[in-house]
Amino acid sequence: MTGCVSATVTAVNLGFSDTFIAEWLYSWSIAFPVGFVLLLLLSPQFRRIVDKIVYYGNVD
């Protein structure tokens, strides 16, 4: 996911120039660790929120 997003943003900002691959890999090298850490930190909270929504939606 981070690869697709960083490639899209790089293409929008720079276009498909000669330096696209190098710039994309640089931006991805920053985006991937940030995304991975956020995934580890925030996924438990999101799971609790979704569980509450699903539980309250199925009270029969």
PDB file of N, CA and C in Angstrom:
ATOM      1  N   MET A   1       0.827  -1.190   0.000  1.00  0.00           N
ATOM      2  CA  MET A   1       0.000   0.000   0.000  1.00  0.00           C
ATOM      3  C   MET A   1       0.870   1.252   0.000  1.00  0.00           C
ATOM      4  N   THR A   2       1.895   1.271   0.853  1.00  0.00           N
ATOM      5  CA  THR A   2       2.753   2.455   0.898  1.00  0.00           C
ATOM      6  C   THR A   2       3.489   2.645  -0.422  1.00  0.00           C
ATOM      7  N   GLY A   3       3.802   1.561  -1.090  1.00  0.00           N
ATOM      8  CA  GLY A   3       4.464   1.652  -2.388  1.00  0.00           C
ATOM      9  C   GLY A   3       3.577   2.304  -3.428  1.00  0.00           C
ATOM     10  N   CYS A   4       2.304   1.912  -3.458  1.00  0.00           N
ATOM     11  CA  CYS A   4       1.358   2.502  -4.416  1.00  0.00           C
ATOM     12  C   CYS A   4       1.126   3.978  -4.134  1.00  0.00           C
ATOM     13  N   VAL A   5       0.958   4.317  -2.882  1.00  0.00           N
ATOM     14  CA  VAL A   5       0.696   5.715  -2.532  1.00  0.00           C
ATOM     15  C   VAL A   5       1.918   6.576  -2.828  1.00  0.00           C
ATOM     16  N   SER A   6       3.096   6.113  -2.445  1.00  0.00           N
ATOM     17  CA  SER A   6       4.288   6.920  -2.700  1.00  0.00           C
ATOM     18  C   SER A   6       4.584   7.028  -4.194  1.00  0.00           C
ATOM     19  N   ALA A   7       4.304   5.974  -4.968  1.00  0.00           N
ATOM     20  CA  ALA A   7       4.495   6.045  -6.422  1.00  0.00           C
ATOM     21  C   ALA A   7       3.525   7.033  -7.046  1.00  0.00           C
ATOM     22  N   THR A   8       2.285   7.042  -6.586  1.00  0.00           N
ATOM     23  CA  THR A   8       1.294   7.969  -7.116  1.00  0.00           C
ATOM     24  C   THR A   8       1.659   9.409  -6.808  1.00  0.00           C
ATOM     25  N   VAL A   9       2.030   9.679  -5.576  1.00  0.00           N
ATOM     26  CA  VAL A   9       2.384  11.045  -5.193  1.00  0.00           C
ATOM     27  C   VAL A   9       3.645  11.500  -5.930  1.00  0.00           C
ATOM     28  N   THR A  10       4.611  10.601  -6.078  1.00  0.00           N
ATOM     29  CA  THR A  10       5.823  10.951  -6.811  1.00  0.00           C
ATOM     30  C   THR A  10       5.509  11.239  -8.271  1.00  0.00           C
ATOM     31  N   ALA A  11       4.652  10.442  -8.880  1.00  0.00           N
ATOM     32  CA  ALA A  11       4.280  10.662 -10.283  1.00  0.00           C
ATOM     33  C   ALA A  11       3.525  11.972 -10.456  1.00  0.00           C
ATOM     34  N   VAL A  12       2.653  12.293  -9.524  1.00  0.00           N
ATOM     35  CA  VAL A  12       1.902  13.543  -9.617  1.00  0.00           C
ATOM     36  C   VAL A  12       2.835  14.735  -9.460  1.00  0.00           C
ATOM     37  N   ASN A  13       3.762  14.652  -8.529  1.00  0.00           N
ATOM     38  CA  ASN A  13       4.653  15.784  -8.273  1.00  0.00           C
ATOM     39  C   ASN A  13       5.755  15.934  -9.312  1.00  0.00           C
ATOM     40  N   LEU A  14       6.317  14.824  -9.783  1.00  0.00           N
ATOM     41  CA  LEU A  14       7.464  14.902 -10.682  1.00  0.00           C
ATOM     42  C   LEU A  14       7.159  14.478 -12.107  1.00  0.00           C
ATOM     43  N   GLY A  15       6.087  13.744 -12.302  1.00  0.00           N
ATOM     44  CA  GLY A  15       5.840  13.137 -13.598  1.00  0.00           C
ATOM     45  C   GLY A  15       6.749  11.926 -13.769  1.00  0.00           C
ATOM     46  N   PHE A  16       6.668  11.283 -14.910  1.00  0.00           N
ATOM     47  CA  PHE A  16       7.492  10.111 -15.161  1.00  0.00           C
ATOM     48  C   PHE A  16       8.781  10.546 -15.843  1.00  0.00           C
ATOM     49  N   SER A  17       9.664  11.124 -15.065  1.00  0.00           N
ATOM     50  CA  SER A  17      10.927  11.623 -15.592  1.00  0.00           C
ATOM     51  C   SER A  17      12.012  10.555 -15.433  1.00  0.00           C
ATOM     52  N   ASP A  18      13.232  10.939 -15.779  1.00  0.00           N
ATOM     53  CA  ASP A  18      14.359  10.016 -15.654  1.00  0.00           C
ATOM     54  C   ASP A  18      14.669   9.677 -14.199  1.00  0.00           C
ATOM     55  N   THR A  19      14.312  10.545 -13.303  1.00  0.00           N
ATOM     56  CA  THR A  19      14.620  10.326 -11.888  1.00  0.00           C
ATOM     57  C   THR A  19      13.442   9.744 -11.109  1.00  0.00           C
ATOM     58  N   PHE A  20      12.390   9.327 -11.807  1.00  0.00           N
ATOM     59  CA  PHE A  20      11.188   8.844 -11.118  1.00  0.00           C
ATOM     60  C   PHE A  20      11.493   7.679 -10.183  1.00  0.00           C
ATOM     61  N   ILE A  21      12.186   6.663 -10.683  1.00  0.00           N
ATOM     62  CA  ILE A  21      12.444   5.458  -9.871  1.00  0.00           C
ATOM     63  C   ILE A  21      13.258   5.806  -8.627  1.00  0.00           C
ATOM     64  N   ALA A  22      14.295   6.600  -8.789  1.00  0.00           N
ATOM     65  CA  ALA A  22      15.133   6.964  -7.639  1.00  0.00           C
ATOM     66  C   ALA A  22      14.344   7.770  -6.615  1.00  0.00           C
ATOM     67  N   GLU A  23      13.562   8.726  -7.083  1.00  0.00           N
ATOM     68  CA  GLU A  23      12.759   9.543  -6.156  1.00  0.00           C
ATOM     69  C   GLU A  23      11.672   8.720  -5.487  1.00  0.00           C
ATOM     70  N   TRP A  24      11.059   7.809  -6.246  1.00  0.00           N
ATOM     71  CA  TRP A  24      10.019   6.959  -5.678  1.00  0.00           C
ATOM     72  C   TRP A  24      10.587   6.042  -4.602  1.00  0.00           C
ATOM     73  N   LEU A  25      11.733   5.413  -4.879  1.00  0.00           N
ATOM     74  CA  LEU A  25      12.337   4.529  -3.883  1.00  0.00           C
ATOM     75  C   LEU A  25      12.753   5.297  -2.634  1.00  0.00           C
ATOM     76  N   TYR A  26      13.211   6.527  -2.813  1.00  0.00           N
ATOM     77  CA  TYR A  26      13.555   7.346  -1.657  1.00  0.00           C
ATOM     78  C   TYR A  26      12.313   7.647  -0.813  1.00  0.00           C
ATOM     79  N   SER A  27      11.238   8.064  -1.474  1.00  0.00           N
ATOM     80  CA  SER A  27      10.023   8.395  -0.713  1.00  0.00           C
ATOM     81  C   SER A  27       9.413   7.144  -0.092  1.00  0.00           C
ATOM     82  N   TRP A  28       9.526   6.023  -0.763  1.00  0.00           N
ATOM     83  CA  TRP A  28       9.008   4.774  -0.201  1.00  0.00           C
ATOM     84  C   TRP A  28       9.837   4.321   0.991  1.00  0.00           C
ATOM     85  N   SER A  29      11.139   4.578   0.963  1.00  0.00           N
ATOM     86  CA  SER A  29      11.988   4.201   2.100  1.00  0.00           C
ATOM     87  C   SER A  29      11.624   4.984   3.355  1.00  0.00           C
ATOM     88  N   ILE A  30      10.975   6.115   3.186  1.00  0.00           N
ATOM     89  CA  ILE A  30      10.488   6.883   4.333  1.00  0.00           C
ATOM     90  C   ILE A  30       9.068   6.460   4.690  1.00  0.00           C
ATOM     91  N   ALA A  31       8.226   6.266   3.682  1.00  0.00           N
ATOM     92  CA  ALA A  31       6.811   5.969   3.922  1.00  0.00           C
ATOM     93  C   ALA A  31       6.602   4.594   4.537  1.00  0.00           C
ATOM     94  N   PHE A  32       7.383   3.599   4.131  1.00  0.00           N
ATOM     95  CA  PHE A  32       7.154   2.248   4.633  1.00  0.00           C
ATOM     96  C   PHE A  32       7.375   2.127   6.143  1.00  0.00           C
ATOM     97  N   PRO A  33       8.500   2.588   6.694  1.00  0.00           N
ATOM     98  CA  PRO A  33       8.663   2.481   8.150  1.00  0.00           C
ATOM     99  C   PRO A  33       7.607   3.271   8.925  1.00  0.00           C
ATOM    100  N   VAL A  34       7.252   4.455   8.421  1.00  0.00           N
ATOM    101  CA  VAL A  34       6.225   5.255   9.102  1.00  0.00           C
ATOM    102  C   VAL A  34       4.894   4.508   9.087  1.00  0.00           C
ATOM    103  N   GLY A  35       4.510   3.978   7.932  1.00  0.00           N
ATOM    104  CA  GLY A  35       3.259   3.226   7.836  1.00  0.00           C
ATOM    105  C   GLY A  35       3.257   1.980   8.692  1.00  0.00           C
ATOM    106  N   PHE A  36       4.381   1.289   8.745  1.00  0.00           N
ATOM    107  CA  PHE A  36       4.461   0.052   9.533  1.00  0.00           C
ATOM    108  C   PHE A  36       4.331   0.338  11.027  1.00  0.00           C
ATOM    109  N   VAL A  37       5.011   1.368  11.502  1.00  0.00           N
ATOM    110  CA  VAL A  37       4.913   1.735  12.921  1.00  0.00           C
ATOM    111  C   VAL A  37       3.490   2.177  13.264  1.00  0.00           C
ATOM    112  N   LEU A  38       2.874   2.970  12.394  1.00  0.00           N
ATOM    113  CA  LEU A  38       1.493   3.386  12.647  1.00  0.00           C
ATOM    114  C   LEU A  38       0.546   2.192  12.652  1.00  0.00           C
ATOM    115  N   LEU A  39       0.778   1.241  11.770  1.00  0.00           N
ATOM    116  CA  LEU A  39      -0.031   0.023  11.758  1.00  0.00           C
ATOM    117  C   LEU A  39       0.082  -0.712  13.086  1.00  0.00           C
ATOM    118  N   LEU A  40       1.288  -0.873  13.577  1.00  0.00           N
ATOM    119  CA  LEU A  40       1.483  -1.576  14.846  1.00  0.00           C
ATOM    120  C   LEU A  40       0.861  -0.837  16.023  1.00  0.00           C
ATOM    121  N   LEU A  41       0.946   0.483  15.999  1.00  0.00           N
ATOM    122  CA  LEU A  41       0.431   1.257  17.129  1.00  0.00           C
ATOM    123  C   LEU A  41      -1.076   1.450  17.103  1.00  0.00           C
ATOM    124  N   LEU A  42      -1.654   1.620  15.916  1.00  0.00           N
ATOM    125  CA  LEU A  42      -3.060   1.997  15.834  1.00  0.00           C
ATOM    126  C   LEU A  42      -4.020   0.835  15.573  1.00  0.00           C
ATOM    127  N   SER A  43      -3.528  -0.283  15.077  1.00  0.00           N
ATOM    128  CA  SER A  43      -4.450  -1.369  14.741  1.00  0.00           C
ATOM    129  C   SER A  43      -5.209  -1.921  15.955  1.00  0.00           C
ATOM    130  N   PRO A  44      -4.622  -2.003  17.159  1.00  0.00           N
ATOM    131  CA  PRO A  44      -5.443  -2.458  18.294  1.00  0.00           C
ATOM    132  C   PRO A  44      -6.618  -1.528  18.606  1.00  0.00           C
ATOM    133  N   GLN A  45      -6.390  -0.224  18.493  1.00  0.00           N
ATOM    134  CA  GLN A  45      -7.478   0.717  18.757  1.00  0.00           C
ATOM    135  C   GLN A  45      -8.569   0.603  17.691  1.00  0.00           C
ATOM    136  N   PHE A  46      -8.164   0.502  16.432  1.00  0.00           N
ATOM    137  CA  PHE A  46      -9.152   0.354  15.365  1.00  0.00           C
ATOM    138  C   PHE A  46      -9.924  -0.948  15.496  1.00  0.00           C
ATOM    139  N   ARG A  47      -9.261  -2.004  15.926  1.00  0.00           N
ATOM    140  CA  ARG A  47      -9.939  -3.283  16.114  1.00  0.00           C
ATOM    141  C   ARG A  47     -11.001  -3.180  17.203  1.00  0.00           C
ATOM    142  N   ARG A  48     -10.681  -2.476  18.297  1.00  0.00           N
ATOM    143  CA  ARG A  48     -11.672  -2.291  19.369  1.00  0.00           C
ATOM    144  C   ARG A  48     -12.863  -1.486  18.881  1.00  0.00           C
ATOM    145  N   ILE A  49     -12.620  -0.443  18.109  1.00  0.00           N
ATOM    146  CA  ILE A  49     -13.709   0.380  17.578  1.00  0.00           C
ATOM    147  C   ILE A  49     -14.605  -0.447  16.667  1.00  0.00           C
ATOM    148  N   VAL A  50     -14.010  -1.213  15.775  1.00  0.00           N
ATOM    149  CA  VAL A  50     -14.787  -2.047  14.854  1.00  0.00           C
ATOM    150  C   VAL A  50     -15.554  -3.110  15.626  1.00  0.00           C
ATOM    151  N   ASP A  51     -14.941  -3.713  16.625  1.00  0.00           N
ATOM    152  CA  ASP A  51     -15.646  -4.713  17.435  1.00  0.00           C
ATOM    153  C   ASP A  51     -16.861  -4.106  18.125  1.00  0.00           C
ATOM    154  N   LYS A  52     -16.734  -2.886  18.630  1.00  0.00           N
ATOM    155  CA  LYS A  52     -17.876  -2.232  19.278  1.00  0.00           C
ATOM    156  C   LYS A  52     -18.985  -1.953  18.274  1.00  0.00           C
ATOM    157  N   ILE A  53     -18.612  -1.503  17.078  1.00  0.00           N
ATOM    158  CA  ILE A  53     -19.619  -1.227  16.058  1.00  0.00           C
ATOM    159  C   ILE A  53     -20.338  -2.509  15.660  1.00  0.00           C
ATOM    160  N   VAL A  54     -19.589  -3.556  15.435  1.00  0.00           N
ATOM    161  CA  VAL A  54     -20.187  -4.823  15.027  1.00  0.00           C
ATOM    162  C   VAL A  54     -21.019  -5.419  16.153  1.00  0.00           C
ATOM    163  N   TYR A  55     -20.547  -5.338  17.382  1.00  0.00           N
ATOM    164  CA  TYR A  55     -21.289  -5.896  18.519  1.00  0.00           C
ATOM    165  C   TYR A  55     -22.590  -5.140  18.721  1.00  0.00           C
ATOM    166  N   TYR A  56     -22.560  -3.814  18.746  1.00  0.00           N
ATOM    167  CA  TYR A  56     -23.756  -3.033  18.965  1.00  0.00           C
ATOM    168  C   TYR A  56     -24.733  -3.128  17.809  1.00  0.00           C
ATOM    169  N   GLY A  57     -24.220  -3.413  16.630  1.00  0.00           N
ATOM    170  CA  GLY A  57     -25.093  -3.559  15.472  1.00  0.00           C
ATOM    171  C   GLY A  57     -25.833  -4.891  15.454  1.00  0.00           C
ATOM    172  N   ASN A  58     -25.353  -5.866  16.236  1.00  0.00           N
ATOM    173  CA  ASN A  58     -25.953  -7.209  16.233  1.00  0.00           C
ATOM    174  C   ASN A  58     -26.595  -7.561  17.581  1.00  0.00           C
ATOM    175  N   VAL A  59     -27.117  -6.602  18.270  1.00  0.00           N
ATOM    176  CA  VAL A  59     -27.772  -6.878  19.557  1.00  0.00           C
ATOM    177  C   VAL A  59     -29.207  -7.278  19.261  1.00  0.00           C
ATOM    178  N   ASP A  60     -29.466  -8.577  19.291  1.00  0.00           N
ATOM    179  CA  ASP A  60     -30.827  -9.087  19.042  1.00  0.00           C
ATOM    180  C   ASP A  60     -31.357  -9.826  20.234  1.00  0.00           C
TER     181      ASP A  60
END
